[in-house]
Amino acid sequence: MIDVDASVDGLRELELALRDIAPDLKKQMDREIRRSIQPIRSKAQSLAPASPLSGWRQRSGTGRWSGERGWSQRAAKSGVRIRKISPRRNTGAARSFRQIGSTSTFQGQNEILAGWQIQNKSAAGIIFELAGSANPQGKSEAGRYFIRGLNKSSGDTSRLIWRAWDQLDGERTVMIESAQTAIKNAERSLASLIGAKVT
C-alpha cells in the first residue's frame, strides 16, 4: 500500500450520512473529488507508449501472451481508472494504484475505510507498470530480457500511475486540497440541512 498523506478523518461516516440524508449532495461531492484527481489519471494515460517492446502486442489465439496480456496502448490507457472504494481490509498484495482516502489500523493491518483509487484494470497495463518490482532480475532468462527491455524503453518499475503521481509533484497539494475542500463543503452543507454545527 502506498501512503499518500491525503487522509480525511470521518469520510466514511460523512458518506453514509450523505447517502441517507442528501444523496444528491453525495453525488456532487463525488464528482468534485473525481474532477480534482483526474489530472493523475490523464498524466498516467499520457505515459502509455505506443509500443514498449517491439514484439509485445495483442495477438489472437490461446497462448500465454495472447489476449489481454498482449500490449495495446488503447487498452492500457482505458484501463487507467478512478475508482471509488468501499471499506475492505488491505491484503498487502501488489496493486497498480494510488490511493486518496482514509485508513485506520486494524489488527496490525491498514484497513481502507473509504476513499478513491487511481488504478489500472488492464492486464498488460499492470504488467507494464509493475514488471520487475517484485524481482528486478526476473525469474527466467525471458523474464530478465523482458524487464531489461522495459527498463531501457520506459524506465524502472512504476511506469504509469506511480510515475504520473511523482511527475505531478507540484500539483499534488492542489489536487489533495481540492478534494478535501469538496469534502468540507459537503460536510457544511449537510450540517446546515440538519441544523448541526461543524467544527
C-alpha atoms as a PDB file:
ATOM      1  CA  MET A   1       0.000   0.000   0.000  1.00  0.00           C
ATOM      2  CA  ILE A   2       1.214   3.444  -0.792  1.00  0.00           C
ATOM      3  CA  ASP A   3       0.772   6.180   1.777  1.00  0.00           C
ATOM      4  CA  VAL A   4      -0.425   9.292   0.007  1.00  0.00           C
ATOM      5  CA  ASP A   5      -0.766  11.521   3.081  1.00  0.00           C
ATOM      6  CA  ALA A   6      -4.258  12.535   1.996  1.00  0.00           C
ATOM      7  CA  SER A   7      -6.299  11.162   4.875  1.00  0.00           C
ATOM      8  CA  VAL A   8      -9.606  12.684   5.892  1.00  0.00           C
ATOM      9  CA  ASP A   9     -10.965  11.698   9.299  1.00  0.00           C
ATOM     10  CA  GLY A  10     -14.647  10.799   9.266  1.00  0.00           C
ATOM     11  CA  LEU A  11     -15.017  10.488   5.484  1.00  0.00           C
ATOM     12  CA  ARG A  12     -16.788   7.149   5.714  1.00  0.00           C
ATOM     13  CA  GLU A  13     -19.265   8.464   8.292  1.00  0.00           C
ATOM     14  CA  LEU A  14     -19.914  11.567   6.178  1.00  0.00           C
ATOM     15  CA  GLU A  15     -20.563   9.434   3.096  1.00  0.00           C
ATOM     16  CA  LEU A  16     -23.039   7.250   4.996  1.00  0.00           C
ATOM     17  CA  ALA A  17     -24.880  10.308   6.309  1.00  0.00           C
ATOM     18  CA  LEU A  18     -24.972  11.921   2.872  1.00  0.00           C
ATOM     19  CA  ARG A  19     -26.238   8.716   1.301  1.00  0.00           C
ATOM     20  CA  ASP A  20     -29.112   8.544   3.781  1.00  0.00           C
ATOM     21  CA  ILE A  21     -29.980  12.242   4.106  1.00  0.00           C
ATOM     22  CA  ALA A  22     -28.774  14.052   0.983  1.00  0.00           C
ATOM     23  CA  PRO A  23     -27.830  11.653  -1.858  1.00  0.00           C
ATOM     24  CA  ASP A  24     -27.596  14.492  -4.395  1.00  0.00           C
ATOM     25  CA  LEU A  25     -25.054  16.213  -2.183  1.00  0.00           C
ATOM     26  CA  LYS A  26     -23.024  12.988  -2.035  1.00  0.00           C
ATOM     27  CA  LYS A  27     -23.073  12.731  -5.835  1.00  0.00           C
ATOM     28  CA  GLN A  28     -21.897  16.336  -6.113  1.00  0.00           C
ATOM     29  CA  MET A  29     -19.063  15.712  -3.631  1.00  0.00           C
ATOM     30  CA  ASP A  30     -18.018  12.557  -5.520  1.00  0.00           C
ATOM     31  CA  ARG A  31     -17.989  14.455  -8.845  1.00  0.00           C
ATOM     32  CA  GLU A  32     -15.819  17.208  -7.358  1.00  0.00           C
ATOM     33  CA  ILE A  33     -13.365  14.713  -5.852  1.00  0.00           C
ATOM     34  CA  ARG A  34     -13.168  12.790  -9.114  1.00  0.00           C
ATOM     35  CA  ARG A  35     -12.534  16.041 -11.017  1.00  0.00           C
ATOM     36  CA  SER A  36      -9.809  17.071  -8.559  1.00  0.00           C
ATOM     37  CA  ILE A  37      -7.816  13.840  -9.037  1.00  0.00           C
ATOM     38  CA  GLN A  38      -8.460  13.495 -12.780  1.00  0.00           C
ATOM     39  CA  PRO A  39      -5.019  15.013 -13.641  1.00  0.00           C
ATOM     40  CA  ILE A  40      -3.330  11.899 -12.195  1.00  0.00           C
ATOM     41  CA  ARG A  41      -5.366   9.662 -14.492  1.00  0.00           C
ATOM     42  CA  SER A  42      -4.740  11.883 -17.519  1.00  0.00           C
ATOM     43  CA  LYS A  43      -0.998  12.012 -16.841  1.00  0.00           C
ATOM     44  CA  ALA A  44      -0.790   8.223 -16.390  1.00  0.00           C
ATOM     45  CA  GLN A  45      -2.664   7.691 -19.663  1.00  0.00           C
ATOM     46  CA  SER A  46      -0.237  10.011 -21.457  1.00  0.00           C
ATOM     47  CA  LEU A  47       2.686   7.853 -20.269  1.00  0.00           C
ATOM     48  CA  ALA A  48       1.410   4.678 -22.003  1.00  0.00           C
ATOM     49  CA  PRO A  49       3.705   4.178 -25.025  1.00  0.00           C
ATOM     50  CA  ALA A  50       2.520   3.013 -28.430  1.00  0.00           C
ATOM     51  CA  SER A  51       4.830   0.010 -28.226  1.00  0.00           C
ATOM     52  CA  PRO A  52       7.043  -0.520 -25.157  1.00  0.00           C
ATOM     53  CA  LEU A  53       8.745  -3.563 -26.721  1.00  0.00           C
ATOM     54  CA  SER A  54       8.812  -4.458 -30.401  1.00  0.00           C
ATOM     55  CA  GLY A  55       7.317  -7.938 -30.038  1.00  0.00           C
ATOM     56  CA  TRP A  56       4.799  -7.209 -27.295  1.00  0.00           C
ATOM     57  CA  ARG A  57       1.387  -6.715 -28.890  1.00  0.00           C
ATOM     58  CA  GLN A  58      -2.085  -8.146 -28.726  1.00  0.00           C
ATOM     59  CA  ARG A  59      -2.481 -11.403 -30.549  1.00  0.00           C
ATOM     60  CA  SER A  60      -5.345 -13.746 -31.151  1.00  0.00           C
ATOM     61  CA  GLY A  61      -5.088 -17.318 -30.000  1.00  0.00           C
ATOM     62  CA  THR A  62      -4.681 -19.067 -26.692  1.00  0.00           C
ATOM     63  CA  GLY A  63      -1.007 -18.588 -25.885  1.00  0.00           C
ATOM     64  CA  ARG A  64       0.217 -17.133 -22.609  1.00  0.00           C
ATOM     65  CA  TRP A  65       0.783 -13.674 -24.115  1.00  0.00           C
ATOM     66  CA  SER A  66      -2.327 -13.581 -26.289  1.00  0.00           C
ATOM     67  CA  GLY A  67      -5.459 -11.645 -25.483  1.00  0.00           C
ATOM     68  CA  GLU A  68      -5.399  -9.135 -22.648  1.00  0.00           C
ATOM     69  CA  ARG A  69      -1.746  -9.737 -21.698  1.00  0.00           C
ATOM     70  CA  GLY A  70      -0.654  -8.533 -25.106  1.00  0.00           C
ATOM     71  CA  TRP A  71       0.193  -4.829 -25.267  1.00  0.00           C
ATOM     72  CA  SER A  72      -2.373  -2.385 -26.560  1.00  0.00           C
ATOM     73  CA  GLN A  73      -1.828   1.302 -25.881  1.00  0.00           C
ATOM     74  CA  ARG A  74      -5.575   1.900 -26.151  1.00  0.00           C
ATOM     75  CA  ALA A  75      -6.369  -0.831 -23.605  1.00  0.00           C
ATOM     76  CA  ALA A  76      -3.628   0.355 -21.233  1.00  0.00           C
ATOM     77  CA  LYS A  77      -4.955   3.927 -21.376  1.00  0.00           C
ATOM     78  CA  SER A  78      -8.602   2.954 -20.937  1.00  0.00           C
ATOM     79  CA  GLY A  79      -7.571   0.637 -18.092  1.00  0.00           C
ATOM     80  CA  VAL A  80      -6.388   3.607 -16.004  1.00  0.00           C
ATOM     81  CA  ARG A  81      -9.450   4.459 -13.937  1.00  0.00           C
ATOM     82  CA  ILE A  82     -10.519   6.475 -10.961  1.00  0.00           C
ATOM     83  CA  ARG A  83     -12.452   4.201  -8.661  1.00  0.00           C
ATOM     84  CA  LYS A  84     -14.488   4.862  -5.554  1.00  0.00           C
ATOM     85  CA  ILE A  85     -13.514   2.292  -2.948  1.00  0.00           C
ATOM     86  CA  SER A  86     -15.608   0.868  -0.183  1.00  0.00           C
ATOM     87  CA  PRO A  87     -14.417  -0.480   3.171  1.00  0.00           C
ATOM     88  CA  ARG A  88     -12.156  -3.532   2.961  1.00  0.00           C
ATOM     89  CA  ARG A  89      -9.025  -4.888   4.539  1.00  0.00           C
ATOM     90  CA  ASN A  90      -5.731  -4.340   2.764  1.00  0.00           C
ATOM     91  CA  THR A  91      -4.336  -7.748   1.827  1.00  0.00           C
ATOM     92  CA  GLY A  92      -0.917  -6.288   1.077  1.00  0.00           C
ATOM     93  CA  ALA A  93      -0.948  -7.683  -2.469  1.00  0.00           C
ATOM     94  CA  ALA A  94       0.870  -5.696  -5.131  1.00  0.00           C
ATOM     95  CA  ARG A  95      -1.530  -3.426  -6.927  1.00  0.00           C
ATOM     96  CA  SER A  96      -1.110  -0.784  -9.552  1.00  0.00           C
ATOM     97  CA  PHE A  97      -2.817   2.148  -7.862  1.00  0.00           C
ATOM     98  CA  ARG A  98      -2.539   5.312  -5.864  1.00  0.00           C
ATOM     99  CA  GLN A  99      -4.982   5.900  -3.057  1.00  0.00           C
ATOM    100  CA  ILE A 100      -6.604   9.002  -1.674  1.00  0.00           C
ATOM    101  CA  GLY A 101      -8.849   8.493   1.303  1.00  0.00           C
ATOM    102  CA  SER A 102      -8.877   7.493   4.921  1.00  0.00           C
ATOM    103  CA  THR A 103      -7.246   4.497   6.540  1.00  0.00           C
ATOM    104  CA  SER A 104      -7.065   3.085  10.024  1.00  0.00           C
ATOM    105  CA  THR A 105      -5.096   0.321  11.664  1.00  0.00           C
ATOM    106  CA  PHE A 106      -6.941  -2.901  12.451  1.00  0.00           C
ATOM    107  CA  GLN A 107      -5.124  -5.870  13.989  1.00  0.00           C
ATOM    108  CA  GLY A 108      -1.798  -4.658  12.635  1.00  0.00           C
ATOM    109  CA  GLN A 109      -3.056  -4.103   9.080  1.00  0.00           C
ATOM    110  CA  ASN A 110      -4.252  -0.977   7.340  1.00  0.00           C
ATOM    111  CA  GLU A 111      -7.950  -1.110   6.615  1.00  0.00           C
ATOM    112  CA  ILE A 112      -9.233   1.136   3.884  1.00  0.00           C
ATOM    113  CA  LEU A 113     -12.306   2.860   5.280  1.00  0.00           C
ATOM    114  CA  ALA A 114     -13.286   4.994   2.339  1.00  0.00           C
ATOM    115  CA  GLY A 115     -11.662   6.821  -0.475  1.00  0.00           C
ATOM    116  CA  TRP A 116     -10.581   6.788  -4.086  1.00  0.00           C
ATOM    117  CA  GLN A 117      -8.049   4.858  -6.122  1.00  0.00           C
ATOM    118  CA  ILE A 118      -6.394   5.519  -9.435  1.00  0.00           C
ATOM    119  CA  GLN A 119      -5.789   2.006 -10.709  1.00  0.00           C
ATOM    120  CA  ASN A 120      -5.028   0.133 -13.889  1.00  0.00           C
ATOM    121  CA  LYS A 121      -7.567  -2.562 -14.756  1.00  0.00           C
ATOM    122  CA  SER A 122      -5.707  -3.607 -17.908  1.00  0.00           C
ATOM    123  CA  ALA A 123      -3.640  -6.791 -17.502  1.00  0.00           C
ATOM    124  CA  ALA A 124      -0.978  -5.503 -19.896  1.00  0.00           C
ATOM    125  CA  GLY A 125      -1.038  -2.108 -18.149  1.00  0.00           C
ATOM    126  CA  ILE A 126      -0.395  -3.747 -14.783  1.00  0.00           C
ATOM    127  CA  ILE A 127       2.412  -5.851 -16.257  1.00  0.00           C
ATOM    128  CA  PHE A 128       3.936  -2.713 -17.830  1.00  0.00           C
ATOM    129  CA  GLU A 129       3.625  -0.792 -14.546  1.00  0.00           C
ATOM    130  CA  LEU A 130       4.985  -3.443 -12.193  1.00  0.00           C
ATOM    131  CA  ALA A 131       7.284  -5.756 -14.195  1.00  0.00           C
ATOM    132  CA  GLY A 132      10.495  -6.077 -12.212  1.00  0.00           C
ATOM    133  CA  SER A 133       9.132  -4.665  -8.939  1.00  0.00           C
ATOM    134  CA  ALA A 134       8.995  -7.996  -7.081  1.00  0.00           C
ATOM    135  CA  ASN A 135      12.087  -9.449  -8.737  1.00  0.00           C
ATOM    136  CA  PRO A 136      14.233  -6.952 -10.674  1.00  0.00           C
ATOM    137  CA  GLN A 137      16.212  -9.810 -12.233  1.00  0.00           C
ATOM    138  CA  GLY A 138      13.165 -11.781 -13.385  1.00  0.00           C
ATOM    139  CA  LYS A 139      12.528 -15.458 -12.695  1.00  0.00           C
ATOM    140  CA  SER A 140      13.826 -16.720 -16.029  1.00  0.00           C
ATOM    141  CA  GLU A 141      16.035 -15.642 -18.904  1.00  0.00           C
ATOM    142  CA  ALA A 142      12.940 -14.467 -20.803  1.00  0.00           C
ATOM    143  CA  GLY A 143      11.821 -12.529 -17.714  1.00  0.00           C
ATOM    144  CA  ARG A 144      15.218 -10.859 -17.380  1.00  0.00           C
ATOM    145  CA  TYR A 145      15.156  -9.918 -21.068  1.00  0.00           C
ATOM    146  CA  PHE A 146      11.581  -8.567 -20.765  1.00  0.00           C
ATOM    147  CA  ILE A 147      12.335  -6.466 -17.664  1.00  0.00           C
ATOM    148  CA  ARG A 148      15.620  -5.198 -19.114  1.00  0.00           C
ATOM    149  CA  GLY A 149      13.804  -4.149 -22.303  1.00  0.00           C
ATOM    150  CA  LEU A 150      11.078  -2.332 -20.366  1.00  0.00           C
ATOM    151  CA  ASN A 151      13.608  -0.609 -18.118  1.00  0.00           C
ATOM    152  CA  LYS A 152      15.525   0.552 -21.193  1.00  0.00           C
ATOM    153  CA  SER A 153      12.479   1.779 -23.131  1.00  0.00           C
ATOM    154  CA  SER A 154      10.289   3.086 -20.296  1.00  0.00           C
ATOM    155  CA  GLY A 155      12.359   3.328 -17.124  1.00  0.00           C
ATOM    156  CA  ASP A 156      12.279   1.262 -13.956  1.00  0.00           C
ATOM    157  CA  THR A 157       9.110  -0.065 -12.345  1.00  0.00           C
ATOM    158  CA  SER A 158       6.203   2.228 -11.525  1.00  0.00           C
ATOM    159  CA  ARG A 159       5.918   3.276 -15.155  1.00  0.00           C
ATOM    160  CA  LEU A 160       2.377   4.672 -15.358  1.00  0.00           C
ATOM    161  CA  ILE A 161       0.301   5.598 -12.308  1.00  0.00           C
ATOM    162  CA  TRP A 162       3.134   5.894  -9.811  1.00  0.00           C
ATOM    163  CA  ARG A 163       5.273   7.839 -12.293  1.00  0.00           C
ATOM    164  CA  ALA A 164       2.331  10.152 -13.019  1.00  0.00           C
ATOM    165  CA  TRP A 165       1.975  10.757  -9.281  1.00  0.00           C
ATOM    166  CA  ASP A 166       5.682  11.541  -8.989  1.00  0.00           C
ATOM    167  CA  GLN A 167       5.689  13.826 -12.044  1.00  0.00           C
ATOM    168  CA  LEU A 168       2.726  15.798 -10.705  1.00  0.00           C
ATOM    169  CA  ASP A 169       4.677  16.644  -7.563  1.00  0.00           C
ATOM    170  CA  GLY A 170       3.958  20.367  -7.809  1.00  0.00           C
ATOM    171  CA  GLU A 171       0.238  19.821  -8.412  1.00  0.00           C
ATOM    172  CA  ARG A 172      -0.396  17.112  -5.813  1.00  0.00           C
ATOM    173  CA  THR A 173      -1.025  19.503  -2.947  1.00  0.00           C
ATOM    174  CA  VAL A 174      -3.561  21.435  -5.026  1.00  0.00           C
ATOM    175  CA  MET A 175      -5.344  18.208  -6.041  1.00  0.00           C
ATOM    176  CA  ILE A 176      -5.499  16.927  -2.467  1.00  0.00           C
ATOM    177  CA  GLU A 177      -6.646  20.275  -1.109  1.00  0.00           C
ATOM    178  CA  SER A 178      -9.323  20.466  -3.801  1.00  0.00           C
ATOM    179  CA  ALA A 179     -10.621  17.012  -2.816  1.00  0.00           C
ATOM    180  CA  GLN A 180     -10.539  17.947   0.856  1.00  0.00           C
ATOM    181  CA  THR A 181     -12.415  21.184   0.108  1.00  0.00           C
ATOM    182  CA  ALA A 182     -15.138  19.198  -1.677  1.00  0.00           C
ATOM    183  CA  ILE A 183     -15.459  17.012   1.426  1.00  0.00           C
ATOM    184  CA  LYS A 184     -15.569  20.001   3.790  1.00  0.00           C
ATOM    185  CA  ASN A 185     -18.172  21.760   1.627  1.00  0.00           C
ATOM    186  CA  ALA A 186     -20.352  18.658   1.655  1.00  0.00           C
ATOM    187  CA  GLU A 187     -19.945  18.409   5.420  1.00  0.00           C
ATOM    188  CA  ARG A 188     -21.015  22.055   5.866  1.00  0.00           C
ATOM    189  CA  SER A 189     -23.987  21.631   3.529  1.00  0.00           C
ATOM    190  CA  LEU A 190     -25.100  18.517   5.389  1.00  0.00           C
ATOM    191  CA  ALA A 191     -24.722  20.293   8.727  1.00  0.00           C
ATOM    192  CA  SER A 192     -26.899  23.182   7.544  1.00  0.00           C
ATOM    193  CA  LEU A 193     -29.532  20.695   6.325  1.00  0.00           C
ATOM    194  CA  ILE A 194     -29.787  19.016   9.713  1.00  0.00           C
ATOM    195  CA  GLY A 195     -29.076  22.089  11.806  1.00  0.00           C
ATOM    196  CA  ALA A 196     -25.803  20.836  13.252  1.00  0.00           C
ATOM    197  CA  LYS A 197     -22.631  22.784  13.937  1.00  0.00           C
ATOM    198  CA  VAL A 198     -19.415  21.961  12.051  1.00  0.00           C
ATOM    199  CA  THR A 199     -16.163  22.440  13.940  1.00  0.00           C
END
